[in-house]
PDB file of N, CA and C in Angstrom:
ATOM      1  N   MET A   1      97.233  -2.631  76.684  1.00  0.00           N
ATOM      2  CA  MET A   1      97.738  -1.791  77.748  1.00  0.00           C
ATOM      3  C   MET A   1      99.202  -2.107  77.958  1.00  0.00           C
ATOM      4  N   SER A   2     100.037  -1.203  77.603  1.00  0.00           N
ATOM      5  CA  SER A   2     101.458  -1.492  77.746  1.00  0.00           C
ATOM      6  C   SER A   2     102.180  -0.484  78.626  1.00  0.00           C
ATOM      7  N   GLU A   3     101.438   0.418  79.258  1.00  0.00           N
ATOM      8  CA  GLU A   3     102.133   1.361  80.120  1.00  0.00           C
ATOM      9  C   GLU A   3     102.121   0.889  81.577  1.00  0.00           C
ATOM     10  N   LYS A   4     103.078   1.382  82.314  1.00  0.00           N
ATOM     11  CA  LYS A   4     103.217   1.045  83.732  1.00  0.00           C
ATOM     12  C   LYS A   4     102.058   1.651  84.517  1.00  0.00           C
ATOM     13  N   ARG A   5     101.565   0.897  85.507  1.00  0.00           N
ATOM     14  CA  ARG A   5     100.505   1.380  86.384  1.00  0.00           C
ATOM     15  C   ARG A   5     100.926   1.146  87.834  1.00  0.00           C
ATOM     16  N   ASN A   6     100.581   2.083  88.700  1.00  0.00           N
ATOM     17  CA  ASN A   6     100.804   1.925  90.118  1.00  0.00           C
ATOM     18  C   ASN A   6      99.454   1.637  90.765  1.00  0.00           C
ATOM     19  N   LEU A   7      99.305   0.452  91.358  1.00  0.00           N
ATOM     20  CA  LEU A   7      98.010   0.047  91.901  1.00  0.00           C
ATOM     21  C   LEU A   7      97.532   0.959  93.024  1.00  0.00           C
ATOM     22  N   THR A   8      98.440   1.433  93.848  1.00  0.00           N
ATOM     23  CA  THR A   8      98.036   2.340  94.921  1.00  0.00           C
ATOM     24  C   THR A   8      97.438   3.613  94.335  1.00  0.00           C
ATOM     25  N   SER A   9      98.089   4.186  93.334  1.00  0.00           N
ATOM     26  CA  SER A   9      97.571   5.408  92.707  1.00  0.00           C
ATOM     27  C   SER A   9      96.222   5.167  92.040  1.00  0.00           C
ATOM     28  N   VAL A  10      96.093   4.050  91.340  1.00  0.00           N
ATOM     29  CA  VAL A  10      94.817   3.728  90.685  1.00  0.00           C
ATOM     30  C   VAL A  10      93.712   3.609  91.716  1.00  0.00           C
ATOM     31  N   LEU A  11      93.959   2.826  92.763  1.00  0.00           N
ATOM     32  CA  LEU A  11      92.910   2.584  93.758  1.00  0.00           C
ATOM     33  C   LEU A  11      92.638   3.806  94.629  1.00  0.00           C
ATOM     34  N   ASP A  12      93.628   4.652  94.837  1.00  0.00           N
ATOM     35  CA  ASP A  12      93.394   5.899  95.575  1.00  0.00           C
ATOM     36  C   ASP A  12      92.423   6.808  94.821  1.00  0.00           C
ATOM     37  N   ALA A  13      92.397   6.693  93.496  1.00  0.00           N
ATOM     38  CA  ALA A  13      91.530   7.536  92.667  1.00  0.00           C
ATOM     39  C   ALA A  13      90.125   6.967  92.495  1.00  0.00           C
ATOM     40  N   VAL A  14      89.876   5.765  92.997  1.00  0.00           N
ATOM     41  CA  VAL A  14      88.574   5.112  92.855  1.00  0.00           C
ATOM     42  C   VAL A  14      87.808   5.246  94.162  1.00  0.00           C
ATOM     43  N   SER A  15      86.650   5.906  94.103  1.00  0.00           N
ATOM     44  CA  SER A  15      85.860   6.072  95.327  1.00  0.00           C
ATOM     45  C   SER A  15      84.768   5.009  95.465  1.00  0.00           C
ATOM     46  N   ASP A  16      84.319   4.443  94.356  1.00  0.00           N
ATOM     47  CA  ASP A  16      83.248   3.441  94.399  1.00  0.00           C
ATOM     48  C   ASP A  16      83.776   2.106  94.905  1.00  0.00           C
ATOM     49  N   LEU A  17      82.998   1.479  95.779  1.00  0.00           N
ATOM     50  CA  LEU A  17      83.337   0.147  96.262  1.00  0.00           C
ATOM     51  C   LEU A  17      82.790  -0.909  95.297  1.00  0.00           C
ATOM     52  N   TRP A  18      83.474  -2.037  95.238  1.00  0.00           N
ATOM     53  CA  TRP A  18      83.088  -3.163  94.389  1.00  0.00           C
ATOM     54  C   TRP A  18      82.980  -2.740  92.917  1.00  0.00           C
ATOM     55  N   SER A  19      83.835  -1.805  92.514  1.00  0.00           N
ATOM     56  CA  SER A  19      83.841  -1.296  91.134  1.00  0.00           C
ATOM     57  C   SER A  19      85.193  -1.622  90.507  1.00  0.00           C
ATOM     58  N   PRO A  20      85.306  -2.791  89.870  1.00  0.00           N
ATOM     59  CA  PRO A  20      86.612  -3.187  89.342  1.00  0.00           C
ATOM     60  C   PRO A  20      87.075  -2.302  88.190  1.00  0.00           C
ATOM     61  N   HIS A  21      88.380  -2.031  88.190  1.00  0.00           N
ATOM     62  CA  HIS A  21      89.018  -1.275  87.114  1.00  0.00           C
ATOM     63  C   HIS A  21      90.063  -2.181  86.468  1.00  0.00           C
ATOM     64  N   ILE A  22      90.013  -2.274  85.175  1.00  0.00           N
ATOM     65  CA  ILE A  22      90.958  -3.119  84.449  1.00  0.00           C
ATOM     66  C   ILE A  22      92.288  -2.385  84.384  1.00  0.00           C
ATOM     67  N   VAL A  23      93.290  -2.945  85.062  1.00  0.00           N
ATOM     68  CA  VAL A  23      94.593  -2.294  85.166  1.00  0.00           C
ATOM     69  C   VAL A  23      95.655  -2.968  84.306  1.00  0.00           C
ATOM     70  N   GLY A  24      95.324  -4.104  83.721  1.00  0.00           N
ATOM     71  CA  GLY A  24      96.278  -4.814  82.878  1.00  0.00           C
ATOM     72  C   GLY A  24      95.613  -5.957  82.147  1.00  0.00           C
ATOM     73  N   GLU A  25      96.366  -6.532  81.231  1.00  0.00           N
ATOM     74  CA  GLU A  25      95.886  -7.662  80.434  1.00  0.00           C
ATOM     75  C   GLU A  25      97.001  -8.693  80.331  1.00  0.00           C
ATOM     76  N   VAL A  26      96.624  -9.948  80.344  1.00  0.00           N
ATOM     77  CA  VAL A  26      97.554 -11.051  80.133  1.00  0.00           C
ATOM     78  C   VAL A  26      96.860 -12.024  79.189  1.00  0.00           C
ATOM     79  N   ASN A  27      97.375 -12.137  77.967  1.00  0.00           N
ATOM     80  CA  ASN A  27      96.741 -12.969  76.950  1.00  0.00           C
ATOM     81  C   ASN A  27      95.270 -12.568  76.829  1.00  0.00           C
ATOM     82  N   ASP A  28      94.347 -13.479  77.074  1.00  0.00           N
ATOM     83  CA  ASP A  28      92.925 -13.173  76.971  1.00  0.00           C
ATOM     84  C   ASP A  28      92.292 -12.923  78.340  1.00  0.00           C
ATOM     85  N   TYR A  29      93.091 -12.491  79.293  1.00  0.00           N
ATOM     86  CA  TYR A  29      92.619 -12.252  80.652  1.00  0.00           C
ATOM     87  C   TYR A  29      92.753 -10.778  81.014  1.00  0.00           C
ATOM     88  N   ASP A  30      91.817 -10.305  81.848  1.00  0.00           N
ATOM     89  CA  ASP A  30      91.877  -8.960  82.409  1.00  0.00           C
ATOM     90  C   ASP A  30      92.358  -9.053  83.850  1.00  0.00           C
ATOM     91  N   VAL A  31      93.190  -8.098  84.243  1.00  0.00           N
ATOM     92  CA  VAL A  31      93.613  -7.938  85.635  1.00  0.00           C
ATOM     93  C   VAL A  31      92.810  -6.763  86.168  1.00  0.00           C
ATOM     94  N   LYS A  32      91.976  -7.027  87.179  1.00  0.00           N
ATOM     95  CA  LYS A  32      91.050  -6.022  87.698  1.00  0.00           C
ATOM     96  C   LYS A  32      91.384  -5.692  89.150  1.00  0.00           C
ATOM     97  N   ALA A  33      91.410  -4.409  89.468  1.00  0.00           N
ATOM     98  CA  ALA A  33      91.665  -3.944  90.834  1.00  0.00           C
ATOM     99  C   ALA A  33      90.418  -3.259  91.365  1.00  0.00           C
ATOM    100  N   ALA A  34      90.146  -3.439  92.666  1.00  0.00           N
ATOM    101  CA  ALA A  34      88.958  -2.814  93.255  1.00  0.00           C
ATOM    102  C   ALA A  34      89.183  -2.551  94.737  1.00  0.00           C
ATOM    103  N   ASN A  35      88.549  -1.476  95.204  1.00  0.00           N
ATOM    104  CA  ASN A  35      88.392  -1.219  96.634  1.00  0.00           C
ATOM    105  C   ASN A  35      87.089  -1.892  97.046  1.00  0.00           C
ATOM    106  N   VAL A  36      87.117  -2.639  98.131  1.00  0.00           N
ATOM    107  CA  VAL A  36      85.921  -3.355  98.552  1.00  0.00           C
ATOM    108  C   VAL A  36      85.716  -3.211 100.050  1.00  0.00           C
ATOM    109  N   ALA A  37      84.456  -3.206 100.462  1.00  0.00           N
ATOM    110  CA  ALA A  37      84.090  -3.183 101.879  1.00  0.00           C
ATOM    111  C   ALA A  37      82.631  -3.588 101.978  1.00  0.00           C
ATOM    112  N   GLY A  38      82.262  -4.191 103.095  1.00  0.00           N
ATOM    113  CA  GLY A  38      80.892  -4.661 103.246  1.00  0.00           C
ATOM    114  C   GLY A  38      80.686  -5.947 102.458  1.00  0.00           C
ATOM    115  N   GLU A  39      79.446  -6.177 102.051  1.00  0.00           N
ATOM    116  CA  GLU A  39      79.104  -7.429 101.373  1.00  0.00           C
ATOM    117  C   GLU A  39      78.802  -7.209  99.903  1.00  0.00           C
ATOM    118  N   TYR A  40      79.169  -8.202  99.098  1.00  0.00           N
ATOM    119  CA  TYR A  40      78.773  -8.259  97.696  1.00  0.00           C
ATOM    120  C   TYR A  40      77.795  -9.423  97.578  1.00  0.00           C
ATOM    121  N   PRO A  41      76.784  -9.330  96.722  1.00  0.00           N
ATOM    122  CA  PRO A  41      75.791 -10.400  96.651  1.00  0.00           C
ATOM    123  C   PRO A  41      76.393 -11.765  96.293  1.00  0.00           C
ATOM    124  N   GLU A  42      75.791 -12.787  96.856  1.00  0.00           N
ATOM    125  CA  GLU A  42      76.186 -14.156  96.528  1.00  0.00           C
ATOM    126  C   GLU A  42      75.968 -14.399  95.042  1.00  0.00           C
ATOM    127  N   HIS A  43      76.896 -15.112  94.425  1.00  0.00           N
ATOM    128  CA  HIS A  43      76.802 -15.395  93.000  1.00  0.00           C
ATOM    129  C   HIS A  43      77.740 -16.548  92.653  1.00  0.00           C
ATOM    130  N   ALA A  44      77.692 -16.965  91.389  1.00  0.00           N
ATOM    131  CA  ALA A  44      78.599 -17.990  90.872  1.00  0.00           C
ATOM    132  C   ALA A  44      78.972 -17.623  89.449  1.00  0.00           C
ATOM    133  N   HIS A  45      80.118 -18.107  89.025  1.00  0.00           N
ATOM    134  CA  HIS A  45      80.554 -17.954  87.636  1.00  0.00           C
ATOM    135  C   HIS A  45      80.530 -19.356  87.030  1.00  0.00           C
ATOM    136  N   ASP A  46      79.573 -19.599  86.153  1.00  0.00           N
ATOM    137  CA  ASP A  46      79.388 -20.943  85.612  1.00  0.00           C
ATOM    138  C   ASP A  46      80.481 -21.358  84.639  1.00  0.00           C
ATOM    139  N   ASP A  47      81.145 -20.377  84.006  1.00  0.00           N
ATOM    140  CA  ASP A  47      82.078 -20.694  82.931  1.00  0.00           C
ATOM    141  C   ASP A  47      83.547 -20.496  83.275  1.00  0.00           C
ATOM    142  N   THR A  48      83.857 -19.976  84.457  1.00  0.00           N
ATOM    143  CA  THR A  48      85.260 -19.698  84.768  1.00  0.00           C
ATOM    144  C   THR A  48      85.514 -19.702  86.269  1.00  0.00           C
ATOM    145  N   ASP A  49      86.741 -20.042  86.637  1.00  0.00           N
ATOM    146  CA  ASP A  49      87.182 -19.869  88.021  1.00  0.00           C
ATOM    147  C   ASP A  49      87.330 -18.370  88.283  1.00  0.00           C
ATOM    148  N   GLU A  50      87.401 -17.990  89.567  1.00  0.00           N
ATOM    149  CA  GLU A  50      87.630 -16.592  89.916  1.00  0.00           C
ATOM    150  C   GLU A  50      88.781 -16.523  90.915  1.00  0.00           C
ATOM    151  N   LEU A  51      89.860 -15.851  90.506  1.00  0.00           N
ATOM    152  CA  LEU A  51      91.048 -15.720  91.336  1.00  0.00           C
ATOM    153  C   LEU A  51      90.989 -14.411  92.113  1.00  0.00           C
ATOM    154  N   PHE A  52      91.161 -14.494  93.428  1.00  0.00           N
ATOM    155  CA  PHE A  52      91.220 -13.324  94.307  1.00  0.00           C
ATOM    156  C   PHE A  52      92.628 -13.195  94.873  1.00  0.00           C
ATOM    157  N   ILE A  53      93.178 -11.979  94.818  1.00  0.00           N
ATOM    158  CA  ILE A  53      94.451 -11.650  95.450  1.00  0.00           C
ATOM    159  C   ILE A  53      94.172 -10.429  96.329  1.00  0.00           C
ATOM    160  N   VAL A  54      94.462 -10.547  97.628  1.00  0.00           N
ATOM    161  CA  VAL A  54      94.224  -9.429  98.536  1.00  0.00           C
ATOM    162  C   VAL A  54      95.505  -8.608  98.644  1.00  0.00           C
ATOM    163  N   LEU A  55      95.383  -7.327  98.334  1.00  0.00           N
ATOM    164  CA  LEU A  55      96.516  -6.409  98.423  1.00  0.00           C
ATOM    165  C   LEU A  55      96.602  -5.768  99.800  1.00  0.00           C
ATOM    166  N   ALA A  56      95.447  -5.435 100.383  1.00  0.00           N
ATOM    167  CA  ALA A  56      95.378  -4.789 101.703  1.00  0.00           C
ATOM    168  C   ALA A  56      94.048  -5.155 102.339  1.00  0.00           C
ATOM    169  N   GLY A  57      94.001  -5.150 103.653  1.00  0.00           N
ATOM    170  CA  GLY A  57      92.752  -5.417 104.360  1.00  0.00           C
ATOM    171  C   GLY A  57      92.501  -6.906 104.546  1.00  0.00           C
ATOM    172  N   ARG A  58      91.223  -7.257 104.628  1.00  0.00           N
ATOM    173  CA  ARG A  58      90.834  -8.658 104.848  1.00  0.00           C
ATOM    174  C   ARG A  58      89.546  -8.940 104.079  1.00  0.00           C
ATOM    175  N   LEU A  59      89.575 -10.028 103.313  1.00  0.00           N
ATOM    176  CA  LEU A  59      88.434 -10.456 102.505  1.00  0.00           C
ATOM    177  C   LEU A  59      87.963 -11.812 103.002  1.00  0.00           C
ATOM    178  N   HIS A  60      86.651 -11.961 103.167  1.00  0.00           N
ATOM    179  CA  HIS A  60      86.045 -13.230 103.557  1.00  0.00           C
ATOM    180  C   HIS A  60      85.231 -13.728 102.370  1.00  0.00           C
ATOM    181  N   LEU A  61      85.410 -14.976 102.011  1.00  0.00           N
ATOM    182  CA  LEU A  61      84.627 -15.591 100.942  1.00  0.00           C
ATOM    183  C   LEU A  61      83.752 -16.667 101.566  1.00  0.00           C
ATOM    184  N   ASP A  62      82.449 -16.379 101.636  1.00  0.00           N
ATOM    185  CA  ASP A  62      81.507 -17.357 102.173  1.00  0.00           C
ATOM    186  C   ASP A  62      81.176 -18.346 101.067  1.00  0.00           C
ATOM    187  N   LEU A  63      81.589 -19.604 101.268  1.00  0.00           N
ATOM    188  CA  LEU A  63      81.349 -20.689 100.327  1.00  0.00           C
ATOM    189  C   LEU A  63      80.255 -21.585 100.898  1.00  0.00           C
ATOM    190  N   PRO A  64      79.730 -22.526 100.118  1.00  0.00           N
ATOM    191  CA  PRO A  64      78.662 -23.378 100.642  1.00  0.00           C
ATOM    192  C   PRO A  64      79.043 -24.160 101.899  1.00  0.00           C
ATOM    193  N   ASP A  65      80.314 -24.554 102.030  1.00  0.00           N
ATOM    194  CA  ASP A  65      80.708 -25.412 103.147  1.00  0.00           C
ATOM    195  C   ASP A  65      81.640 -24.763 104.166  1.00  0.00           C
ATOM    196  N   ARG A  66      82.067 -23.510 103.893  1.00  0.00           N
ATOM    197  CA  ARG A  66      83.001 -22.863 104.817  1.00  0.00           C
ATOM    198  C   ARG A  66      83.210 -21.407 104.407  1.00  0.00           C
ATOM    199  N   THR A  67      83.913 -20.665 105.253  1.00  0.00           N
ATOM    200  CA  THR A  67      84.343 -19.310 104.917  1.00  0.00           C
ATOM    201  C   THR A  67      85.861 -19.315 104.824  1.00  0.00           C
ATOM    202  N   VAL A  68      86.373 -18.767 103.734  1.00  0.00           N
ATOM    203  CA  VAL A  68      87.814 -18.618 103.535  1.00  0.00           C
ATOM    204  C   VAL A  68      88.150 -17.150 103.802  1.00  0.00           C
ATOM    205  N   THR A  69      89.087 -16.901 104.701  1.00  0.00           N
ATOM    206  CA  THR A  69      89.508 -15.541 105.027  1.00  0.00           C
ATOM    207  C   THR A  69      90.884 -15.295 104.422  1.00  0.00           C
ATOM    208  N   LEU A  70      90.981 -14.197 103.671  1.00  0.00           N
ATOM    209  CA  LEU A  70      92.226 -13.839 103.003  1.00  0.00           C
ATOM    210  C   LEU A  70      92.776 -12.550 103.594  1.00  0.00           C
ATOM    211  N   ASP A  71      94.036 -12.585 103.973  1.00  0.00           N
ATOM    212  CA  ASP A  71      94.760 -11.427 104.473  1.00  0.00           C
ATOM    213  C   ASP A  71      95.649 -10.886 103.353  1.00  0.00           C
ATOM    214  N   PRO A  72      96.329  -9.753 103.570  1.00  0.00           N
ATOM    215  CA  PRO A  72      97.178  -9.196 102.524  1.00  0.00           C
ATOM    216  C   PRO A  72      98.175 -10.228 101.971  1.00  0.00           C
ATOM    217  N   MET A  73      98.245 -10.255 100.663  1.00  0.00           N
ATOM    218  CA  MET A  73      99.111 -11.118  99.863  1.00  0.00           C
ATOM    219  C   MET A  73      98.629 -12.573  99.815  1.00  0.00           C
ATOM    220  N   ASP A  74      97.430 -12.854 100.332  1.00  0.00           N
ATOM    221  CA  ASP A  74      96.838 -14.180 100.187  1.00  0.00           C
ATOM    222  C   ASP A  74      96.132 -14.279  98.842  1.00  0.00           C
ATOM    223  N   VAL A  75      96.119 -15.485  98.309  1.00  0.00           N
ATOM    224  CA  VAL A  75      95.508 -15.782  97.011  1.00  0.00           C
ATOM    225  C   VAL A  75      94.564 -16.964  97.188  1.00  0.00           C
ATOM    226  N   TYR A  76      93.404 -16.901  96.530  1.00  0.00           N
ATOM    227  CA  TYR A  76      92.458 -18.019  96.570  1.00  0.00           C
ATOM    228  C   TYR A  76      91.670 -18.041  95.264  1.00  0.00           C
ATOM    229  N   THR A  77      91.435 -19.240  94.758  1.00  0.00           N
ATOM    230  CA  THR A  77      90.634 -19.413  93.552  1.00  0.00           C
ATOM    231  C   THR A  77      89.306 -20.067  93.907  1.00  0.00           C
ATOM    232  N   VAL A  78      88.211 -19.398  93.564  1.00  0.00           N
ATOM    233  CA  VAL A  78      86.881 -19.986  93.697  1.00  0.00           C
ATOM    234  C   VAL A  78      86.633 -20.763  92.398  1.00  0.00           C
ATOM    235  N   PRO A  79      86.424 -22.074  92.492  1.00  0.00           N
ATOM    236  CA  PRO A  79      86.210 -22.857  91.270  1.00  0.00           C
ATOM    237  C   PRO A  79      84.922 -22.463  90.548  1.00  0.00           C
ATOM    238  N   ARG A  80      84.924 -22.629  89.245  1.00  0.00           N
ATOM    239  CA  ARG A  80      83.733 -22.325  88.454  1.00  0.00           C
ATOM    240  C   ARG A  80      82.519 -23.055  89.018  1.00  0.00           C
ATOM    241  N   GLY A  81      81.395 -22.369  88.982  1.00  0.00           N
ATOM    242  CA  GLY A  81      80.137 -22.955  89.422  1.00  0.00           C
ATOM    243  C   GLY A  81      79.898 -22.936  90.920  1.00  0.00           C
ATOM    244  N   VAL A  82      80.882 -22.556  91.721  1.00  0.00           N
ATOM    245  CA  VAL A  82      80.724 -22.542  93.180  1.00  0.00           C
ATOM    246  C   VAL A  82      80.147 -21.194  93.610  1.00  0.00           C
ATOM    247  N   ARG A  83      79.023 -21.237  94.293  1.00  0.00           N
ATOM    248  CA  ARG A  83      78.416 -20.006  94.809  1.00  0.00           C
ATOM    249  C   ARG A  83      79.305 -19.456  95.912  1.00  0.00           C
ATOM    250  N   HIS A  84      79.458 -18.138  95.915  1.00  0.00           N
ATOM    251  CA  HIS A  84      80.282 -17.486  96.922  1.00  0.00           C
ATOM    252  C   HIS A  84      79.766 -16.078  97.160  1.00  0.00           C
ATOM    253  N   ARG A  85      79.987 -15.620  98.389  1.00  0.00           N
ATOM    254  CA  ARG A  85      79.603 -14.259  98.773  1.00  0.00           C
ATOM    255  C   ARG A  85      80.839 -13.597  99.362  1.00  0.00           C
ATOM    256  N   PRO A  86      81.419 -12.643  98.630  1.00  0.00           N
ATOM    257  CA  PRO A  86      82.548 -11.891  99.174  1.00  0.00           C
ATOM    258  C   PRO A  86      82.084 -10.875 100.210  1.00  0.00           C
ATOM    259  N   ARG A  87      82.846 -10.773 101.292  1.00  0.00           N
ATOM    260  CA  ARG A  87      82.641  -9.752 102.322  1.00  0.00           C
ATOM    261  C   ARG A  87      84.007  -9.185 102.646  1.00  0.00           C
ATOM    262  N   ALA A  88      84.065  -7.890 102.873  1.00  0.00           N
ATOM    263  CA  ALA A  88      85.372  -7.285 103.128  1.00  0.00           C
ATOM    264  C   ALA A  88      85.302  -6.250 104.239  1.00  0.00           C
ATOM    265  N   GLU A  89      86.390  -6.151 104.967  1.00  0.00           N
ATOM    266  CA  GLU A  89      86.530  -5.125 105.985  1.00  0.00           C
ATOM    267  C   GLU A  89      86.898  -3.810 105.303  1.00  0.00           C
ATOM    268  N   PRO A  90      86.560  -2.678 105.909  1.00  0.00           N
ATOM    269  CA  PRO A  90      86.915  -1.389 105.305  1.00  0.00           C
ATOM    270  C   PRO A  90      88.413  -1.314 104.996  1.00  0.00           C
ATOM    271  N   GLY A  91      88.737  -0.702 103.869  1.00  0.00           N
ATOM    272  CA  GLY A  91      90.129  -0.537 103.466  1.00  0.00           C
ATOM    273  C   GLY A  91      90.704  -1.707 102.690  1.00  0.00           C
ATOM    274  N   THR A  92      89.869  -2.673 102.352  1.00  0.00           N
ATOM    275  CA  THR A  92      90.360  -3.840 101.615  1.00  0.00           C
ATOM    276  C   THR A  92      90.504  -3.514 100.136  1.00  0.00           C
ATOM    277  N   ARG A  93      91.598  -3.998  99.565  1.00  0.00           N
ATOM    278  CA  ARG A  93      91.892  -3.804  98.141  1.00  0.00           C
ATOM    279  C   ARG A  93      92.236  -5.165  97.548  1.00  0.00           C
ATOM    280  N   ILE A  94      91.638  -5.448  96.382  1.00  0.00           N
ATOM    281  CA  ILE A  94      91.838  -6.762  95.783  1.00  0.00           C
ATOM    282  C   ILE A  94      92.200  -6.656  94.306  1.00  0.00           C
ATOM    283  N   LEU A  95      92.761  -7.760  93.805  1.00  0.00           N
ATOM    284  CA  LEU A  95      92.942  -7.978  92.378  1.00  0.00           C
ATOM    285  C   LEU A  95      92.184  -9.239  92.012  1.00  0.00           C
ATOM    286  N   ASN A  96      91.576  -9.225  90.829  1.00  0.00           N
ATOM    287  CA  ASN A  96      90.981 -10.418  90.233  1.00  0.00           C
ATOM    288  C   ASN A  96      91.625 -10.604  88.870  1.00  0.00           C
ATOM    289  N   ILE A  97      91.854 -11.848  88.503  1.00  0.00           N
ATOM    290  CA  ILE A  97      92.336 -12.156  87.164  1.00  0.00           C
ATOM    291  C   ILE A  97      91.306 -13.090  86.553  1.00  0.00           C
ATOM    292  N   GLU A  98      90.681 -12.619  85.457  1.00  0.00           N
ATOM    293  CA  GLU A  98      89.552 -13.344  84.866  1.00  0.00           C
ATOM    294  C   GLU A  98      89.614 -13.257  83.346  1.00  0.00           C
ATOM    295  N   PRO A  99      89.023 -14.241  82.652  1.00  0.00           N
ATOM    296  CA  PRO A  99      88.950 -14.134  81.192  1.00  0.00           C
ATOM    297  C   PRO A  99      88.258 -12.835  80.782  1.00  0.00           C
ATOM    298  N   ARG A 100      88.763 -12.207  79.738  1.00  0.00           N
ATOM    299  CA  ARG A 100      88.188 -10.957  79.235  1.00  0.00           C
ATOM    300  C   ARG A 100      86.683 -11.130  79.038  1.00  0.00           C
ATOM    301  N   GLY A 101      85.922 -10.139  79.504  1.00  0.00           N
ATOM    302  CA  GLY A 101      84.471 -10.169  79.358  1.00  0.00           C
ATOM    303  C   GLY A 101      83.735 -10.821  80.512  1.00  0.00           C
ATOM    304  N   THR A 102      84.463 -11.376  81.496  1.00  0.00           N
ATOM    305  CA  THR A 102      83.806 -11.983  82.657  1.00  0.00           C
ATOM    306  C   THR A 102      83.119 -10.892  83.465  1.00  0.00           C
ATOM    307  N   THR A 103      81.851 -11.119  83.788  1.00  0.00           N
ATOM    308  CA  THR A 103      81.118 -10.125  84.564  1.00  0.00           C
ATOM    309  C   THR A 103      81.362 -10.337  86.056  1.00  0.00           C
ATOM    310  N   GLN A 104      81.194  -9.273  86.792  1.00  0.00           N
ATOM    311  CA  GLN A 104      81.459  -9.274  88.225  1.00  0.00           C
ATOM    312  C   GLN A 104      80.535 -10.220  88.987  1.00  0.00           C
ATOM    313  N   ASP A 105      79.296 -10.323  88.537  1.00  0.00           N
ATOM    314  CA  ASP A 105      78.321 -11.134  89.271  1.00  0.00           C
ATOM    315  C   ASP A 105      77.964 -12.444  88.586  1.00  0.00           C
ATOM    316  N   GLY A 106      78.659 -12.793  87.511  1.00  0.00           N
ATOM    317  CA  GLY A 106      78.415 -14.054  86.835  1.00  0.00           C
ATOM    318  C   GLY A 106      77.217 -14.060  85.904  1.00  0.00           C
ATOM    319  N   THR A 107      76.526 -12.930  85.753  1.00  0.00           N
ATOM    320  CA  THR A 107      75.376 -12.861  84.861  1.00  0.00           C
ATOM    321  C   THR A 107      75.765 -12.172  83.553  1.00  0.00           C
ATOM    322  N   SER A 108      74.953 -12.337  82.546  1.00  0.00           N
ATOM    323  CA  SER A 108      75.254 -11.705  81.259  1.00  0.00           C
ATOM    324  C   SER A 108      75.043 -10.195  81.314  1.00  0.00           C
ATOM    325  N   GLN A 109      74.305  -9.697  82.314  1.00  0.00           N
ATOM    326  CA  GLN A 109      74.048  -8.255  82.430  1.00  0.00           C
ATOM    327  C   GLN A 109      75.031  -7.558  83.361  1.00  0.00           C
ATOM    328  N   GLY A 110      75.862  -8.281  84.060  1.00  0.00           N
ATOM    329  CA  GLY A 110      76.747  -7.687  85.055  1.00  0.00           C
ATOM    330  C   GLY A 110      77.862  -6.848  84.447  1.00  0.00           C
ATOM    331  N   ALA A 111      78.498  -6.061  85.309  1.00  0.00           N
ATOM    332  CA  ALA A 111      79.601  -5.199  84.888  1.00  0.00           C
ATOM    333  C   ALA A 111      80.854  -6.015  84.657  1.00  0.00           C
ATOM    334  N   VAL A 112      81.616  -5.651  83.614  1.00  0.00           N
ATOM    335  CA  VAL A 112      82.870  -6.337  83.319  1.00  0.00           C
ATOM    336  C   VAL A 112      84.081  -5.591  83.863  1.00  0.00           C
ATOM    337  N   GLY A 113      83.891  -4.367  84.300  1.00  0.00           N
ATOM    338  CA  GLY A 113      84.987  -3.569  84.822  1.00  0.00           C
ATOM    339  C   GLY A 113      85.232  -2.356  83.926  1.00  0.00           C
ATOM    340  N   LYS A 114      85.762  -1.324  84.525  1.00  0.00           N
ATOM    341  CA  LYS A 114      86.065  -0.091  83.785  1.00  0.00           C
ATOM    342  C   LYS A 114      87.493  -0.158  83.288  1.00  0.00           C
ATOM    343  N   ARG A 115      87.666   0.009  82.007  1.00  0.00           N
ATOM    344  CA  ARG A 115      89.003  -0.044  81.412  1.00  0.00           C
ATOM    345  C   ARG A 115      89.693   1.307  81.603  1.00  0.00           C
ATOM    346  N   LEU A 116      90.893   1.274  82.156  1.00  0.00           N
ATOM    347  CA  LEU A 116      91.672   2.502  82.323  1.00  0.00           C
ATOM    348  C   LEU A 116      92.296   2.884  80.996  1.00  0.00           C
ATOM    349  N   GLU A 117      92.341   4.144  80.743  1.00  0.00           N
ATOM    350  CA  GLU A 117      92.968   4.635  79.500  1.00  0.00           C
ATOM    351  C   GLU A 117      94.360   5.097  79.768  1.00  0.00           C
TER     352      GLU A 117
END
């Protein structure tokens, strides 16, 4: 992917919540953007950390020992193997940066994200 992308335009065109779209690549990593609201099921990624960047809104990450709240332009990394449950207020937009092929829910059957053409 070598063309310019505008994240606002990409996310304005996405109606599904918790549906990551691959908007860029860095080495062997995918940059995924998503509109999120409500709760996503608790899960863990056994093989990789998960980086969250909040573009708009507010994201809560329920961890085993605490809840981390992220506001716009906040960044947080959930370490590999740590169970977490993302929750978001309406209008929240996020970026994730993950190794290519990482599934959204940490399982081998989970979605890896929709690649933009």
